[in-house]
Amino acid sequence: MVSGIDPSELRAAREKAGLTQHELARLVGAAGGERISRWELGTSVPRPDFLVKLARALDIPTLRLVRLDGEIPDLRALRLQAGLTVPDLAAAVNVAVPTYYAWEQGRWARLPASRTLEELARAFGESVEVVAAAFKEAQRQRRRLGEI
């Protein structure tokens, strides 16, 4: 499975914080508890900016709400943790949206130039080493999914 939102972790964190779905929705500016319910059931997913708001409201690290395939975050996990959409991230690091999508899907032959890695690291709030590892993790997941 590729990184994504972990519905059960969202519910557990909300319950641990002692909040109802409606209270959490109000704290993050979502339209009612029904939306929180759908996120907790996995029938819909919050936008990346809501993911960051949820983590702040629940006083937990954003990455805790992201399900990882393995121990190393891939590019998608880092992007979600930073609360960025693909177009926002692509614009921030000055790459084409399709190029970034290809990277996130593990479709790349060599790592981007060091300047681009540094820009991605700044956008993600991570080190260049973490970003390089995330590239490799995205490629590992692509290979593994191809075997299934």
C-alpha atoms as a PDB file:
ATOM      1  CA  MET A   1       0.000   0.000   0.000  1.00  0.00           C
ATOM      2  CA  VAL A   2       1.218   3.481  -0.818  1.00  0.00           C
ATOM      3  CA  SER A   3       1.282   6.094   1.927  1.00  0.00           C
ATOM      4  CA  GLY A   4      -2.030   7.702   2.728  1.00  0.00           C
ATOM      5  CA  ILE A   5      -4.292   8.858   5.501  1.00  0.00           C
ATOM      6  CA  ASP A   6      -4.784   6.420   8.382  1.00  0.00           C
ATOM      7  CA  PRO A   7      -8.499   6.620   9.300  1.00  0.00           C
ATOM      8  CA  SER A   8      -8.175   4.504  12.446  1.00  0.00           C
ATOM      9  CA  GLU A   9      -5.327   6.682  13.744  1.00  0.00           C
ATOM     10  CA  LEU A  10      -7.430   9.812  13.203  1.00  0.00           C
ATOM     11  CA  ARG A  11     -10.303   8.325  15.190  1.00  0.00           C
ATOM     12  CA  ALA A  12      -8.012   7.079  17.978  1.00  0.00           C
ATOM     13  CA  ALA A  13      -6.316  10.481  18.294  1.00  0.00           C
ATOM     14  CA  ARG A  14      -9.692  12.296  18.355  1.00  0.00           C
ATOM     15  CA  GLU A  15     -11.045   9.976  21.032  1.00  0.00           C
ATOM     16  CA  LYS A  16      -7.843  10.280  23.082  1.00  0.00           C
ATOM     17  CA  ALA A  17      -8.199  14.087  22.892  1.00  0.00           C
ATOM     18  CA  GLY A  18     -11.755  13.727  24.228  1.00  0.00           C
ATOM     19  CA  LEU A  19     -13.335  15.456  21.238  1.00  0.00           C
ATOM     20  CA  THR A  20     -16.516  14.655  19.377  1.00  0.00           C
ATOM     21  CA  GLN A  21     -16.481  14.656  15.596  1.00  0.00           C
ATOM     22  CA  HIS A  22     -18.415  17.949  15.633  1.00  0.00           C
ATOM     23  CA  GLU A  23     -15.956  19.557  18.052  1.00  0.00           C
ATOM     24  CA  LEU A  24     -12.969  18.508  15.941  1.00  0.00           C
ATOM     25  CA  ALA A  25     -14.703  19.740  12.780  1.00  0.00           C
ATOM     26  CA  ARG A  26     -15.233  23.137  14.397  1.00  0.00           C
ATOM     27  CA  LEU A  27     -11.575  23.315  15.487  1.00  0.00           C
ATOM     28  CA  VAL A  28     -10.257  22.629  11.970  1.00  0.00           C
ATOM     29  CA  GLY A  29     -12.873  24.611  10.043  1.00  0.00           C
ATOM     30  CA  ALA A  30     -14.506  21.575   8.428  1.00  0.00           C
ATOM     31  CA  ALA A  31     -18.194  21.573   7.552  1.00  0.00           C
ATOM     32  CA  GLY A  32     -19.675  19.524  10.383  1.00  0.00           C
ATOM     33  CA  GLY A  33     -18.918  16.253  12.084  1.00  0.00           C
ATOM     34  CA  GLU A  34     -20.124  14.294   9.059  1.00  0.00           C
ATOM     35  CA  ARG A  35     -16.907  15.158   7.255  1.00  0.00           C
ATOM     36  CA  ILE A  36     -14.801  13.939  10.180  1.00  0.00           C
ATOM     37  CA  SER A  37     -16.892  10.763  10.213  1.00  0.00           C
ATOM     38  CA  ARG A  38     -16.179  10.138   6.508  1.00  0.00           C
ATOM     39  CA  TRP A  39     -12.457  10.682   7.107  1.00  0.00           C
ATOM     40  CA  GLU A  40     -12.494   8.255  10.044  1.00  0.00           C
ATOM     41  CA  LEU A  41     -14.364   5.654   7.987  1.00  0.00           C
ATOM     42  CA  GLY A  42     -11.969   6.067   5.067  1.00  0.00           C
ATOM     43  CA  THR A  43     -14.779   6.921   2.632  1.00  0.00           C
ATOM     44  CA  SER A  44     -13.115  10.253   1.874  1.00  0.00           C
ATOM     45  CA  VAL A  45      -9.782  11.834   2.721  1.00  0.00           C
ATOM     46  CA  PRO A  46      -8.905  15.278   4.012  1.00  0.00           C
ATOM     47  CA  ARG A  47      -6.983  17.693   1.834  1.00  0.00           C
ATOM     48  CA  PRO A  48      -3.347  18.026   2.887  1.00  0.00           C
ATOM     49  CA  ASP A  49      -3.983  21.399   4.561  1.00  0.00           C
ATOM     50  CA  PHE A  50      -6.715  19.803   6.688  1.00  0.00           C
ATOM     51  CA  LEU A  51      -4.337  17.016   7.643  1.00  0.00           C
ATOM     52  CA  VAL A  52      -2.011  19.600   9.187  1.00  0.00           C
ATOM     53  CA  LYS A  53      -4.940  21.333  10.940  1.00  0.00           C
ATOM     54  CA  LEU A  54      -6.153  18.002  12.313  1.00  0.00           C
ATOM     55  CA  ALA A  55      -2.718  17.176  13.718  1.00  0.00           C
ATOM     56  CA  ARG A  56      -2.448  20.602  15.356  1.00  0.00           C
ATOM     57  CA  ALA A  57      -5.932  20.355  16.860  1.00  0.00           C
ATOM     58  CA  LEU A  58      -5.142  16.866  18.190  1.00  0.00           C
ATOM     59  CA  ASP A  59      -1.653  17.946  19.340  1.00  0.00           C
ATOM     60  CA  ILE A  60       0.110  15.146  17.466  1.00  0.00           C
ATOM     61  CA  PRO A  61       2.731  15.049  14.701  1.00  0.00           C
ATOM     62  CA  THR A  62       1.142  15.171  11.238  1.00  0.00           C
ATOM     63  CA  LEU A  63       3.053  12.080  10.159  1.00  0.00           C
ATOM     64  CA  ARG A  64       1.149  10.092  12.814  1.00  0.00           C
ATOM     65  CA  LEU A  65      -2.020  10.530  10.722  1.00  0.00           C
ATOM     66  CA  VAL A  66      -0.265   9.179   7.633  1.00  0.00           C
ATOM     67  CA  ARG A  67      -0.117   5.439   7.037  1.00  0.00           C
ATOM     68  CA  LEU A  68       3.321   4.414   5.825  1.00  0.00           C
ATOM     69  CA  ASP A  69       4.211   1.412   3.725  1.00  0.00           C
ATOM     70  CA  GLY A  70       7.369   0.507   5.618  1.00  0.00           C
ATOM     71  CA  GLU A  71       9.360   2.602   8.033  1.00  0.00           C
ATOM     72  CA  ILE A  72      10.674   5.255   5.652  1.00  0.00           C
ATOM     73  CA  PRO A  73       8.276   7.977   4.484  1.00  0.00           C
ATOM     74  CA  ASP A  74       7.900   8.223   0.717  1.00  0.00           C
ATOM     75  CA  LEU A  75       7.466  11.510  -1.158  1.00  0.00           C
ATOM     76  CA  ARG A  76       3.682  11.435  -0.784  1.00  0.00           C
ATOM     77  CA  ALA A  77       3.967  11.030   2.988  1.00  0.00           C
ATOM     78  CA  LEU A  78       6.373  13.975   3.206  1.00  0.00           C
ATOM     79  CA  ARG A  79       4.044  16.088   1.056  1.00  0.00           C
ATOM     80  CA  LEU A  80       1.015  15.218   3.169  1.00  0.00           C
ATOM     81  CA  GLN A  81       2.968  15.893   6.345  1.00  0.00           C
ATOM     82  CA  ALA A  82       3.835  19.343   4.992  1.00  0.00           C
ATOM     83  CA  GLY A  83       0.175  19.980   4.109  1.00  0.00           C
ATOM     84  CA  LEU A  84       0.923  20.586   0.429  1.00  0.00           C
ATOM     85  CA  THR A  85      -1.001  19.682  -2.698  1.00  0.00           C
ATOM     86  CA  VAL A  86       0.964  18.466  -5.704  1.00  0.00           C
ATOM     87  CA  PRO A  87       0.414  21.738  -7.629  1.00  0.00           C
ATOM     88  CA  ASP A  88       1.492  23.796  -4.601  1.00  0.00           C
ATOM     89  CA  LEU A  89       4.625  21.721  -4.102  1.00  0.00           C
ATOM     90  CA  ALA A  90       5.511  21.737  -7.805  1.00  0.00           C
ATOM     91  CA  ALA A  91       5.187  25.521  -7.875  1.00  0.00           C
ATOM     92  CA  ALA A  92       7.268  25.901  -4.694  1.00  0.00           C
ATOM     93  CA  VAL A  93      10.175  23.944  -6.166  1.00  0.00           C
ATOM     94  CA  ASN A  94       9.678  25.134  -9.747  1.00  0.00           C
ATOM     95  CA  VAL A  95       8.998  21.780 -11.428  1.00  0.00           C
ATOM     96  CA  ALA A  96       6.143  20.710 -13.663  1.00  0.00           C
ATOM     97  CA  VAL A  97       3.225  18.981 -11.964  1.00  0.00           C
ATOM     98  CA  PRO A  98       3.627  15.840 -14.151  1.00  0.00           C
ATOM     99  CA  THR A  99       7.313  15.691 -13.206  1.00  0.00           C
ATOM    100  CA  TYR A 100       6.506  15.747  -9.511  1.00  0.00           C
ATOM    101  CA  TYR A 101       3.742  13.147  -9.959  1.00  0.00           C
ATOM    102  CA  ALA A 102       6.266  10.884 -11.691  1.00  0.00           C
ATOM    103  CA  TRP A 103       8.683  11.287  -8.778  1.00  0.00           C
ATOM    104  CA  GLU A 104       5.965  10.542  -6.229  1.00  0.00           C
ATOM    105  CA  GLN A 105       4.995   7.419  -8.171  1.00  0.00           C
ATOM    106  CA  GLY A 106       8.604   6.217  -8.216  1.00  0.00           C
ATOM    107  CA  ARG A 107       9.025   6.791 -11.951  1.00  0.00           C
ATOM    108  CA  TRP A 108      12.478   8.358 -12.180  1.00  0.00           C
ATOM    109  CA  ALA A 109      15.847   7.204 -13.469  1.00  0.00           C
ATOM    110  CA  ARG A 110      18.115   9.398 -11.334  1.00  0.00           C
ATOM    111  CA  LEU A 111      17.678  11.755  -8.430  1.00  0.00           C
ATOM    112  CA  PRO A 112      16.980  15.397  -9.312  1.00  0.00           C
ATOM    113  CA  ALA A 113      19.781  17.946  -9.150  1.00  0.00           C
ATOM    114  CA  SER A 114      21.036  18.819  -5.683  1.00  0.00           C
ATOM    115  CA  ARG A 115      19.419  22.270  -5.891  1.00  0.00           C
ATOM    116  CA  THR A 116      16.010  20.685  -6.503  1.00  0.00           C
ATOM    117  CA  LEU A 117      16.561  18.255  -3.623  1.00  0.00           C
ATOM    118  CA  GLU A 118      17.406  21.220  -1.389  1.00  0.00           C
ATOM    119  CA  GLU A 119      14.249  23.067  -2.493  1.00  0.00           C
ATOM    120  CA  LEU A 120      12.157  19.964  -1.802  1.00  0.00           C
ATOM    121  CA  ALA A 121      13.800  19.604   1.604  1.00  0.00           C
ATOM    122  CA  ARG A 122      12.889  23.220   2.431  1.00  0.00           C
ATOM    123  CA  ALA A 123       9.304  22.721   1.234  1.00  0.00           C
ATOM    124  CA  PHE A 124       8.938  19.530   3.294  1.00  0.00           C
ATOM    125  CA  GLY A 125      10.781  20.907   6.327  1.00  0.00           C
ATOM    126  CA  GLU A 126      13.145  17.930   6.190  1.00  0.00           C
ATOM    127  CA  SER A 127      16.796  17.257   5.443  1.00  0.00           C
ATOM    128  CA  VAL A 128      18.097  16.498   1.957  1.00  0.00           C
ATOM    129  CA  GLU A 129      18.960  13.007   3.191  1.00  0.00           C
ATOM    130  CA  VAL A 130      15.339  12.371   4.211  1.00  0.00           C
ATOM    131  CA  VAL A 131      14.134  13.610   0.817  1.00  0.00           C
ATOM    132  CA  ALA A 132      16.615  11.391  -1.048  1.00  0.00           C
ATOM    133  CA  ALA A 133      15.481   8.413   1.040  1.00  0.00           C
ATOM    134  CA  ALA A 134      11.849   9.279   0.231  1.00  0.00           C
ATOM    135  CA  PHE A 135      12.647   9.209  -3.501  1.00  0.00           C
ATOM    136  CA  LYS A 136      14.166   5.763  -3.114  1.00  0.00           C
ATOM    137  CA  GLU A 137      11.219   4.591  -1.017  1.00  0.00           C
ATOM    138  CA  ALA A 138       8.758   5.721  -3.703  1.00  0.00           C
ATOM    139  CA  GLN A 139      10.730   3.726  -6.266  1.00  0.00           C
ATOM    140  CA  ARG A 140      10.869   0.684  -3.961  1.00  0.00           C
ATOM    141  CA  GLN A 141       7.102   0.780  -3.544  1.00  0.00           C
ATOM    142  CA  ARG A 142       6.596   1.019  -7.302  1.00  0.00           C
ATOM    143  CA  ARG A 143       8.753  -2.061  -7.846  1.00  0.00           C
ATOM    144  CA  ARG A 144       6.947  -3.957  -5.093  1.00  0.00           C
ATOM    145  CA  LEU A 145       3.503  -3.064  -6.465  1.00  0.00           C
ATOM    146  CA  GLY A 146       4.642  -4.245  -9.885  1.00  0.00           C
ATOM    147  CA  GLU A 147       5.372  -7.669  -8.404  1.00  0.00           C
ATOM    148  CA  ILE A 148       1.876  -8.087  -7.006  1.00  0.00           C
END
